[in-house]
Amino acid sequence: KTEAKIQHMIQKRRLKIQEIKHSVDLSEEDAGRE
């Protein structure tokens, strides 16, 4: 159970990294447009 919980936490943080990187990409696009 502990291992499953840790793996779930790792997955959530990996998804959060993808979300942040995507936000940076959108930010760059907005910055260029502005």
PDB file of all heavy atoms in Angstrom:
ATOM      1  N   LYS A   1       0.834  -1.204   0.000  1.00  0.00           N
ATOM      2  CA  LYS A   1       0.000   0.000   0.000  1.00  0.00           C
ATOM      3  C   LYS A   1       0.866   1.251   0.000  1.00  0.00           C
ATOM      4  O   LYS A   1       0.560   2.237  -0.679  1.00  0.00           O
ATOM      5  CB  LYS A   1      -0.921  -0.009   1.219  1.00  0.00           C
ATOM      6  CG  LYS A   1      -1.955  -1.124   1.206  1.00  0.00           C
ATOM      7  CD  LYS A   1      -2.828  -1.083   2.456  1.00  0.00           C
ATOM      8  CE  LYS A   1      -3.858  -2.197   2.455  1.00  0.00           C
ATOM      9  NZ  LYS A   1      -4.675  -2.191   3.688  1.00  0.00           N
ATOM     10  N   THR A   2       1.948   1.212   0.794  1.00  0.00           N
ATOM     11  CA  THR A   2       2.838   2.380   0.849  1.00  0.00           C
ATOM     12  C   THR A   2       3.474   2.633  -0.510  1.00  0.00           C
ATOM     13  O   THR A   2       3.563   3.782  -0.962  1.00  0.00           O
ATOM     14  CB  THR A   2       3.936   2.144   1.908  1.00  0.00           C
ATOM     15  OG1 THR A   2       3.320   1.939   3.188  1.00  0.00           O
ATOM     16  CG2 THR A   2       4.870   3.346   1.983  1.00  0.00           C
ATOM     17  N   GLU A   3       3.907   1.558  -1.163  1.00  0.00           N
ATOM     18  CA  GLU A   3       4.534   1.729  -2.475  1.00  0.00           C
ATOM     19  C   GLU A   3       3.544   2.297  -3.480  1.00  0.00           C
ATOM     20  O   GLU A   3       3.888   3.180  -4.271  1.00  0.00           O
ATOM     21  CB  GLU A   3       5.065   0.384  -2.965  1.00  0.00           C
ATOM     22  CG  GLU A   3       5.783   0.484  -4.302  1.00  0.00           C
ATOM     23  CD  GLU A   3       6.284  -0.853  -4.805  1.00  0.00           C
ATOM     24  OE1 GLU A   3       5.973  -1.866  -4.146  1.00  0.00           O
ATOM     25  OE2 GLU A   3       6.949  -0.886  -5.838  1.00  0.00           O
ATOM     26  N   ALA A   4       2.288   1.797  -3.441  1.00  0.00           N
ATOM     27  CA  ALA A   4       1.272   2.306  -4.367  1.00  0.00           C
ATOM     28  C   ALA A   4       1.010   3.791  -4.119  1.00  0.00           C
ATOM     29  O   ALA A   4       0.849   4.575  -5.060  1.00  0.00           O
ATOM     30  CB  ALA A   4      -0.020   1.498  -4.212  1.00  0.00           C
ATOM     31  N   LYS A   5       0.977   4.177  -2.847  1.00  0.00           N
ATOM     32  CA  LYS A   5       0.740   5.582  -2.510  1.00  0.00           C
ATOM     33  C   LYS A   5       1.888   6.462  -3.008  1.00  0.00           C
ATOM     34  O   LYS A   5       1.661   7.548  -3.560  1.00  0.00           O
ATOM     35  CB  LYS A   5       0.585   5.718  -0.994  1.00  0.00           C
ATOM     36  CG  LYS A   5       0.271   7.138  -0.531  1.00  0.00           C
ATOM     37  CD  LYS A   5       0.067   7.185   0.975  1.00  0.00           C
ATOM     38  CE  LYS A   5      -0.238   8.613   1.432  1.00  0.00           C
ATOM     39  NZ  LYS A   5      -0.419   8.669   2.907  1.00  0.00           N
ATOM     40  N   ILE A   6       3.117   6.006  -2.824  1.00  0.00           N
ATOM     41  CA  ILE A   6       4.270   6.786  -3.277  1.00  0.00           C
ATOM     42  C   ILE A   6       4.272   6.913  -4.793  1.00  0.00           C
ATOM     43  O   ILE A   6       4.542   7.989  -5.342  1.00  0.00           O
ATOM     44  CB  ILE A   6       5.573   6.130  -2.779  1.00  0.00           C
ATOM     45  CG1 ILE A   6       5.671   6.245  -1.239  1.00  0.00           C
ATOM     46  CG2 ILE A   6       6.795   6.784  -3.425  1.00  0.00           C
ATOM     47  CD1 ILE A   6       6.877   5.541  -0.658  1.00  0.00           C
ATOM     48  N   GLN A   7       3.953   5.813  -5.487  1.00  0.00           N
ATOM     49  CA  GLN A   7       3.905   5.865  -6.942  1.00  0.00           C
ATOM     50  C   GLN A   7       2.842   6.844  -7.421  1.00  0.00           C
ATOM     51  O   GLN A   7       3.037   7.563  -8.409  1.00  0.00           O
ATOM     52  CB  GLN A   7       3.611   4.463  -7.511  1.00  0.00           C
ATOM     53  CG  GLN A   7       4.765   3.486  -7.383  1.00  0.00           C
ATOM     54  CD  GLN A   7       5.973   3.908  -8.202  1.00  0.00           C
ATOM     55  OE1 GLN A   7       5.857   4.631  -9.177  1.00  0.00           O
ATOM     56  NE2 GLN A   7       7.147   3.450  -7.794  1.00  0.00           N
ATOM     57  N   HIS A   8       1.709   6.881  -6.698  1.00  0.00           N
ATOM     58  CA  HIS A   8       0.646   7.832  -7.047  1.00  0.00           C
ATOM     59  C   HIS A   8       1.130   9.268  -6.858  1.00  0.00           C
ATOM     60  O   HIS A   8       0.863  10.146  -7.702  1.00  0.00           O
ATOM     61  CB  HIS A   8      -0.584   7.569  -6.178  1.00  0.00           C
ATOM     62  CG  HIS A   8      -1.723   8.508  -6.428  1.00  0.00           C
ATOM     63  ND1 HIS A   8      -2.421   8.520  -7.617  1.00  0.00           N
ATOM     64  CD2 HIS A   8      -2.265   9.496  -5.652  1.00  0.00           C
ATOM     65  CE1 HIS A   8      -3.356   9.464  -7.565  1.00  0.00           C
ATOM     66  NE2 HIS A   8      -3.269  10.060  -6.398  1.00  0.00           N
ATOM     67  N   MET A   9       1.853   9.512  -5.778  1.00  0.00           N
ATOM     68  CA  MET A   9       2.391  10.847  -5.533  1.00  0.00           C
ATOM     69  C   MET A   9       3.396  11.250  -6.610  1.00  0.00           C
ATOM     70  O   MET A   9       3.419  12.399  -7.072  1.00  0.00           O
ATOM     71  CB  MET A   9       3.041  10.891  -4.143  1.00  0.00           C
ATOM     72  CG  MET A   9       2.065  10.713  -2.993  1.00  0.00           C
ATOM     73  SD  MET A   9       2.896  10.556  -1.385  1.00  0.00           S
ATOM     74  CE  MET A   9       3.519  12.219  -1.179  1.00  0.00           C
ATOM     75  N   ILE A  10       4.231  10.294  -7.023  1.00  0.00           N
ATOM     76  CA  ILE A  10       5.207  10.578  -8.081  1.00  0.00           C
ATOM     77  C   ILE A  10       4.492  10.936  -9.376  1.00  0.00           C
ATOM     78  O   ILE A  10       4.857  11.892 -10.071  1.00  0.00           O
ATOM     79  CB  ILE A  10       6.128   9.361  -8.283  1.00  0.00           C
ATOM     80  CG1 ILE A  10       7.044   9.176  -7.065  1.00  0.00           C
ATOM     81  CG2 ILE A  10       6.963   9.516  -9.552  1.00  0.00           C
ATOM     82  CD1 ILE A  10       7.886   7.917  -7.117  1.00  0.00           C
ATOM     83  N   GLN A  11       3.435  10.163  -9.708  1.00  0.00           N
ATOM     84  CA  GLN A  11       2.712  10.415 -10.943  1.00  0.00           C
ATOM     85  C   GLN A  11       2.058  11.788 -10.939  1.00  0.00           C
ATOM     86  O   GLN A  11       2.082  12.506 -11.950  1.00  0.00           O
ATOM     87  CB  GLN A  11       1.650   9.317 -11.155  1.00  0.00           C
ATOM     88  CG  GLN A  11       0.895   9.428 -12.466  1.00  0.00           C
ATOM     89  CD  GLN A  11       1.794   9.289 -13.673  1.00  0.00           C
ATOM     90  OE1 GLN A  11       2.859   8.705 -13.596  1.00  0.00           O
ATOM     91  NE2 GLN A  11       1.370   9.837 -14.809  1.00  0.00           N
ATOM     92  N   LYS A  12       1.473  12.169  -9.803  1.00  0.00           N
ATOM     93  CA  LYS A  12       0.835  13.485  -9.703  1.00  0.00           C
ATOM     94  C   LYS A  12       1.855  14.594  -9.929  1.00  0.00           C
ATOM     95  O   LYS A  12       1.560  15.607 -10.587  1.00  0.00           O
ATOM     96  CB  LYS A  12       0.175  13.644  -8.329  1.00  0.00           C
ATOM     97  CG  LYS A  12      -1.093  12.841  -8.154  1.00  0.00           C
ATOM     98  CD  LYS A  12      -1.706  13.054  -6.779  1.00  0.00           C
ATOM     99  CE  LYS A  12      -2.147  14.483  -6.581  1.00  0.00           C
ATOM    100  NZ  LYS A  12      -2.802  14.679  -5.268  1.00  0.00           N
ATOM    101  N   ARG A  13       3.044  14.432  -9.400  1.00  0.00           N
ATOM    102  CA  ARG A  13       4.064  15.467  -9.552  1.00  0.00           C
ATOM    103  C   ARG A  13       4.625  15.511 -10.975  1.00  0.00           C
ATOM    104  O   ARG A  13       4.989  16.576 -11.463  1.00  0.00           O
ATOM    105  CB  ARG A  13       5.172  15.233  -8.518  1.00  0.00           C
ATOM    106  CG  ARG A  13       4.757  15.750  -7.151  1.00  0.00           C
ATOM    107  CD  ARG A  13       5.349  14.982  -5.989  1.00  0.00           C
ATOM    108  NE  ARG A  13       4.838  15.550  -4.743  1.00  0.00           N
ATOM    109  CZ  ARG A  13       3.638  15.290  -4.266  1.00  0.00           C
ATOM    110  NH1 ARG A  13       2.810  14.493  -4.916  1.00  0.00           N
ATOM    111  NH2 ARG A  13       3.237  15.858  -3.141  1.00  0.00           N
ATOM    112  N   ARG A  14       4.690  14.378 -11.623  1.00  0.00           N
ATOM    113  CA  ARG A  14       5.110  14.384 -13.016  1.00  0.00           C
ATOM    114  C   ARG A  14       4.091  15.104 -13.893  1.00  0.00           C
ATOM    115  O   ARG A  14       4.445  15.853 -14.803  1.00  0.00           O
ATOM    116  CB  ARG A  14       5.303  12.951 -13.494  1.00  0.00           C
ATOM    117  CG  ARG A  14       6.603  12.314 -12.983  1.00  0.00           C
ATOM    118  CD  ARG A  14       6.723  10.869 -13.388  1.00  0.00           C
ATOM    119  NE  ARG A  14       8.048  10.339 -13.040  1.00  0.00           N
ATOM    120  CZ  ARG A  14       8.349   9.046 -13.003  1.00  0.00           C
ATOM    121  NH1 ARG A  14       7.419   8.145 -13.286  1.00  0.00           N
ATOM    122  NH2 ARG A  14       9.567   8.643 -12.683  1.00  0.00           N
ATOM    123  N   LEU A  15       2.815  14.862 -13.593  1.00  0.00           N
ATOM    124  CA  LEU A  15       1.772  15.562 -14.337  1.00  0.00           C
ATOM    125  C   LEU A  15       1.826  17.061 -14.075  1.00  0.00           C
ATOM    126  O   LEU A  15       1.582  17.871 -14.979  1.00  0.00           O
ATOM    127  CB  LEU A  15       0.393  15.002 -13.949  1.00  0.00           C
ATOM    128  CG  LEU A  15       0.108  13.564 -14.403  1.00  0.00           C
ATOM    129  CD1 LEU A  15      -1.222  13.086 -13.853  1.00  0.00           C
ATOM    130  CD2 LEU A  15       0.108  13.474 -15.937  1.00  0.00           C
ATOM    131  N   LYS A  16       2.139  17.428 -12.828  1.00  0.00           N
ATOM    132  CA  LYS A  16       2.229  18.851 -12.493  1.00  0.00           C
ATOM    133  C   LYS A  16       3.389  19.503 -13.242  1.00  0.00           C
ATOM    134  O   LYS A  16       3.289  20.659 -13.687  1.00  0.00           O
ATOM    135  CB  LYS A  16       2.404  19.014 -10.980  1.00  0.00           C
ATOM    136  CG  LYS A  16       2.518  20.456 -10.516  1.00  0.00           C
ATOM    137  CD  LYS A  16       1.316  21.282 -10.906  1.00  0.00           C
ATOM    138  CE  LYS A  16       0.081  20.860 -10.145  1.00  0.00           C
ATOM    139  NZ  LYS A  16      -1.053  21.791 -10.422  1.00  0.00           N
ATOM    140  N   ILE A  17       4.499  18.766 -13.406  1.00  0.00           N
ATOM    141  CA  ILE A  17       5.631  19.301 -14.173  1.00  0.00           C
ATOM    142  C   ILE A  17       5.209  19.557 -15.616  1.00  0.00           C
ATOM    143  O   ILE A  17       5.533  20.595 -16.205  1.00  0.00           O
ATOM    144  CB  ILE A  17       6.820  18.331 -14.112  1.00  0.00           C
ATOM    145  CG1 ILE A  17       7.460  18.363 -12.718  1.00  0.00           C
ATOM    146  CG2 ILE A  17       7.867  18.679 -15.165  1.00  0.00           C
ATOM    147  CD1 ILE A  17       8.620  17.411 -12.562  1.00  0.00           C
ATOM    148  N   GLN A  18       4.461  18.600 -16.200  1.00  0.00           N
ATOM    149  CA  GLN A  18       3.975  18.793 -17.565  1.00  0.00           C
ATOM    150  C   GLN A  18       3.067  20.004 -17.653  1.00  0.00           C
ATOM    151  O   GLN A  18       3.137  20.781 -18.617  1.00  0.00           O
ATOM    152  CB  GLN A  18       3.240  17.535 -18.029  1.00  0.00           C
ATOM    153  CG  GLN A  18       4.125  16.304 -18.157  1.00  0.00           C
ATOM    154  CD  GLN A  18       3.340  15.083 -18.588  1.00  0.00           C
ATOM    155  OE1 GLN A  18       2.142  15.143 -18.824  1.00  0.00           O
ATOM    156  NE2 GLN A  18       4.034  13.949 -18.700  1.00  0.00           N
ATOM    157  N   GLU A  19       2.214  20.160 -16.652  1.00  0.00           N
ATOM    158  CA  GLU A  19       1.302  21.308 -16.641  1.00  0.00           C
ATOM    159  C   GLU A  19       2.077  22.624 -16.579  1.00  0.00           C
ATOM    160  O   GLU A  19       1.767  23.581 -17.302  1.00  0.00           O
ATOM    161  CB  GLU A  19       0.360  21.197 -15.440  1.00  0.00           C
ATOM    162  CG  GLU A  19      -0.587  22.378 -15.292  1.00  0.00           C
ATOM    163  CD  GLU A  19      -1.398  22.304 -14.015  1.00  0.00           C
ATOM    164  OE1 GLU A  19      -1.606  21.180 -13.512  1.00  0.00           O
ATOM    165  OE2 GLU A  19      -1.798  23.367 -13.501  1.00  0.00           O
ATOM    166  N   ILE A  20       3.094  22.655 -15.729  1.00  0.00           N
ATOM    167  CA  ILE A  20       3.882  23.883 -15.594  1.00  0.00           C
ATOM    168  C   ILE A  20       4.654  24.180 -16.874  1.00  0.00           C
ATOM    169  O   ILE A  20       4.720  25.333 -17.320  1.00  0.00           O
ATOM    170  CB  ILE A  20       4.830  23.768 -14.386  1.00  0.00           C
ATOM    171  CG1 ILE A  20       4.020  23.753 -13.075  1.00  0.00           C
ATOM    172  CG2 ILE A  20       5.837  24.919 -14.361  1.00  0.00           C
ATOM    173  CD1 ILE A  20       4.859  23.532 -11.840  1.00  0.00           C
ATOM    174  N   LYS A  21       5.242  23.148 -17.468  1.00  0.00           N
ATOM    175  CA  LYS A  21       5.975  23.361 -18.714  1.00  0.00           C
ATOM    176  C   LYS A  21       5.042  23.866 -19.813  1.00  0.00           C
ATOM    177  O   LYS A  21       5.418  24.730 -20.618  1.00  0.00           O
ATOM    178  CB  LYS A  21       6.647  22.060 -19.148  1.00  0.00           C
ATOM    179  CG  LYS A  21       7.846  21.672 -18.296  1.00  0.00           C
ATOM    180  CD  LYS A  21       8.495  20.401 -18.811  1.00  0.00           C
ATOM    181  CE  LYS A  21       9.745  20.064 -17.997  1.00  0.00           C
ATOM    182  NZ  LYS A  21      10.403  18.812 -18.474  1.00  0.00           N
ATOM    183  N   HIS A  22       3.820  23.319 -19.835  1.00  0.00           N
ATOM    184  CA  HIS A  22       2.843  23.786 -20.827  1.00  0.00           C
ATOM    185  C   HIS A  22       2.481  25.243 -20.573  1.00  0.00           C
ATOM    186  O   HIS A  22       2.325  26.031 -21.525  1.00  0.00           O
ATOM    187  CB  HIS A  22       1.592  22.907 -20.765  1.00  0.00           C
ATOM    188  CG  HIS A  22       0.536  23.299 -21.750  1.00  0.00           C
ATOM    189  ND1 HIS A  22       0.737  23.229 -23.103  1.00  0.00           N
ATOM    190  CD2 HIS A  22      -0.731  23.781 -21.563  1.00  0.00           C
ATOM    191  CE1 HIS A  22      -0.361  23.648 -23.732  1.00  0.00           C
ATOM    192  NE2 HIS A  22      -1.255  23.978 -22.816  1.00  0.00           N
ATOM    193  N   SER A  23       2.352  25.610 -19.292  1.00  0.00           N
ATOM    194  CA  SER A  23       2.053  27.000 -18.957  1.00  0.00           C
ATOM    195  C   SER A  23       3.168  27.926 -19.415  1.00  0.00           C
ATOM    196  O   SER A  23       2.921  29.044 -19.887  1.00  0.00           O
ATOM    197  CB  SER A  23       1.846  27.143 -17.437  1.00  0.00           C
ATOM    198  OG  SER A  23       0.750  26.378 -17.005  1.00  0.00           O
ATOM    199  N   VAL A  24       4.410  27.443 -19.292  1.00  0.00           N
ATOM    200  CA  VAL A  24       5.546  28.249 -19.746  1.00  0.00           C
ATOM    201  C   VAL A  24       5.493  28.439 -21.259  1.00  0.00           C
ATOM    202  O   VAL A  24       5.756  29.530 -21.772  1.00  0.00           O
ATOM    203  CB  VAL A  24       6.875  27.586 -19.325  1.00  0.00           C
ATOM    204  CG1 VAL A  24       8.060  28.313 -19.943  1.00  0.00           C
ATOM    205  CG2 VAL A  24       7.005  27.578 -17.804  1.00  0.00           C
ATOM    206  N   ASP A  25       5.125  27.357 -21.978  1.00  0.00           N
ATOM    207  CA  ASP A  25       5.008  27.472 -23.435  1.00  0.00           C
ATOM    208  C   ASP A  25       3.938  28.482 -23.827  1.00  0.00           C
ATOM    209  O   ASP A  25       4.145  29.316 -24.718  1.00  0.00           O
ATOM    210  CB  ASP A  25       4.685  26.101 -24.041  1.00  0.00           C
ATOM    211  CG  ASP A  25       5.825  25.112 -23.895  1.00  0.00           C
ATOM    212  OD1 ASP A  25       6.977  25.568 -23.711  1.00  0.00           O
ATOM    213  OD2 ASP A  25       5.568  23.897 -23.942  1.00  0.00           O
ATOM    214  N   LEU A  26       2.786  28.410 -23.156  1.00  0.00           N
ATOM    215  CA  LEU A  26       1.720  29.371 -23.445  1.00  0.00           C
ATOM    216  C   LEU A  26       2.148  30.784 -23.088  1.00  0.00           C
ATOM    217  O   LEU A  26       1.829  31.748 -23.787  1.00  0.00           O
ATOM    218  CB  LEU A  26       0.453  28.994 -22.657  1.00  0.00           C
ATOM    219  CG  LEU A  26      -0.225  27.686 -23.058  1.00  0.00           C
ATOM    220  CD1 LEU A  26      -1.434  27.423 -22.166  1.00  0.00           C
ATOM    221  CD2 LEU A  26      -0.656  27.720 -24.519  1.00  0.00           C
ATOM    222  N   SER A  27       2.886  30.877 -21.974  1.00  0.00           N
ATOM    223  CA  SER A  27       3.372  32.191 -21.563  1.00  0.00           C
ATOM    224  C   SER A  27       4.295  32.781 -22.615  1.00  0.00           C
ATOM    225  O   SER A  27       4.248  33.979 -22.919  1.00  0.00           O
ATOM    226  CB  SER A  27       4.107  32.067 -20.219  1.00  0.00           C
ATOM    227  OG  SER A  27       4.745  33.277 -19.883  1.00  0.00           O
ATOM    228  N   GLU A  28       5.143  31.928 -23.200  1.00  0.00           N
ATOM    229  CA  GLU A  28       6.062  32.404 -24.235  1.00  0.00           C
ATOM    230  C   GLU A  28       5.292  32.871 -25.464  1.00  0.00           C
ATOM    231  O   GLU A  28       5.641  33.890 -26.078  1.00  0.00           O
ATOM    232  CB  GLU A  28       7.025  31.275 -24.602  1.00  0.00           C
ATOM    233  CG  GLU A  28       8.050  31.651 -25.663  1.00  0.00           C
ATOM    234  CD  GLU A  28       8.964  32.779 -25.221  1.00  0.00           C
ATOM    235  OE1 GLU A  28       9.208  32.907 -24.004  1.00  0.00           O
ATOM    236  OE2 GLU A  28       9.413  33.542 -26.097  1.00  0.00           O
ATOM    237  N   GLU A  29       4.243  32.130 -25.804  1.00  0.00           N
ATOM    238  CA  GLU A  29       3.433  32.535 -26.951  1.00  0.00           C
ATOM    239  C   GLU A  29       2.753  33.876 -26.682  1.00  0.00           C
ATOM    240  O   GLU A  29       2.735  34.767 -27.549  1.00  0.00           O
ATOM    241  CB  GLU A  29       2.379  31.471 -27.243  1.00  0.00           C
ATOM    242  CG  GLU A  29       2.951  30.152 -27.733  1.00  0.00           C
ATOM    243  CD  GLU A  29       1.885  29.107 -27.934  1.00  0.00           C
ATOM    244  OE1 GLU A  29       0.680  29.453 -27.762  1.00  0.00           O
ATOM    245  OE2 GLU A  29       2.222  27.955 -28.258  1.00  0.00           O
ATOM    246  N   ASP A  30       2.171  34.008 -25.493  1.00  0.00           N
ATOM    247  CA  ASP A  30       1.516  35.274 -25.142  1.00  0.00           C
ATOM    248  C   ASP A  30       2.518  36.411 -25.128  1.00  0.00           C
ATOM    249  O   ASP A  30       2.228  37.528 -25.589  1.00  0.00           O
ATOM    250  CB  ASP A  30       0.845  35.154 -23.768  1.00  0.00           C
ATOM    251  CG  ASP A  30      -0.363  34.233 -23.813  1.00  0.00           C
ATOM    252  OD1 ASP A  30      -0.851  33.960 -24.930  1.00  0.00           O
ATOM    253  OD2 ASP A  30      -0.808  33.792 -22.740  1.00  0.00           O
ATOM    254  N   ALA A  31       3.713  36.128 -24.587  1.00  0.00           N
ATOM    255  CA  ALA A  31       4.734  37.171 -24.522  1.00  0.00           C
ATOM    256  C   ALA A  31       5.129  37.629 -25.924  1.00  0.00           C
ATOM    257  O   ALA A  31       5.273  38.830 -26.197  1.00  0.00           O
ATOM    258  CB  ALA A  31       5.954  36.675 -23.763  1.00  0.00           C
ATOM    259  N   GLY A  32       5.295  36.663 -26.833  1.00  0.00           N
ATOM    260  CA  GLY A  32       5.644  37.030 -28.197  1.00  0.00           C
ATOM    261  C   GLY A  32       4.561  37.839 -28.876  1.00  0.00           C
ATOM    262  O   GLY A  32       4.838  38.820 -29.585  1.00  0.00           O
ATOM    263  N   ARG A  33       3.313  37.426 -28.638  1.00  0.00           N
ATOM    264  CA  ARG A  33       2.189  38.157 -29.226  1.00  0.00           C
ATOM    265  C   ARG A  33       2.109  39.579 -28.693  1.00  0.00           C
ATOM    266  O   ARG A  33       1.904  40.544 -29.443  1.00  0.00           O
ATOM    267  CB  ARG A  33       0.897  37.389 -28.960  1.00  0.00           C
ATOM    268  CG  ARG A  33      -0.318  37.994 -29.624  1.00  0.00           C
ATOM    269  CD  ARG A  33      -1.502  37.040 -29.579  1.00  0.00           C
ATOM    270  NE  ARG A  33      -1.705  36.473 -28.264  1.00  0.00           N
ATOM    271  CZ  ARG A  33      -1.468  35.194 -27.957  1.00  0.00           C
ATOM    272  NH1 ARG A  33      -0.970  34.392 -28.871  1.00  0.00           N
ATOM    273  NH2 ARG A  33      -1.677  34.739 -26.741  1.00  0.00           N
ATOM    274  N   GLU A  34       2.276  39.698 -27.392  1.00  0.00           N
ATOM    275  CA  GLU A  34       2.209  41.030 -26.790  1.00  0.00           C
ATOM    276  C   GLU A  34       3.363  41.914 -27.256  1.00  0.00           C
ATOM    277  O   GLU A  34       3.204  43.112 -27.490  1.00  0.00           O
ATOM    278  CB  GLU A  34       2.235  40.906 -25.263  1.00  0.00           C
ATOM    279  CG  GLU A  34       0.968  40.341 -24.656  1.00  0.00           C
ATOM    280  CD  GLU A  34      -0.233  41.244 -24.872  1.00  0.00           C
ATOM    281  OE1 GLU A  34      -0.059  42.483 -24.775  1.00  0.00           O
ATOM    282  OE2 GLU A  34      -1.331  40.726 -25.147  1.00  0.00           O
TER     283      GLU A  34
END
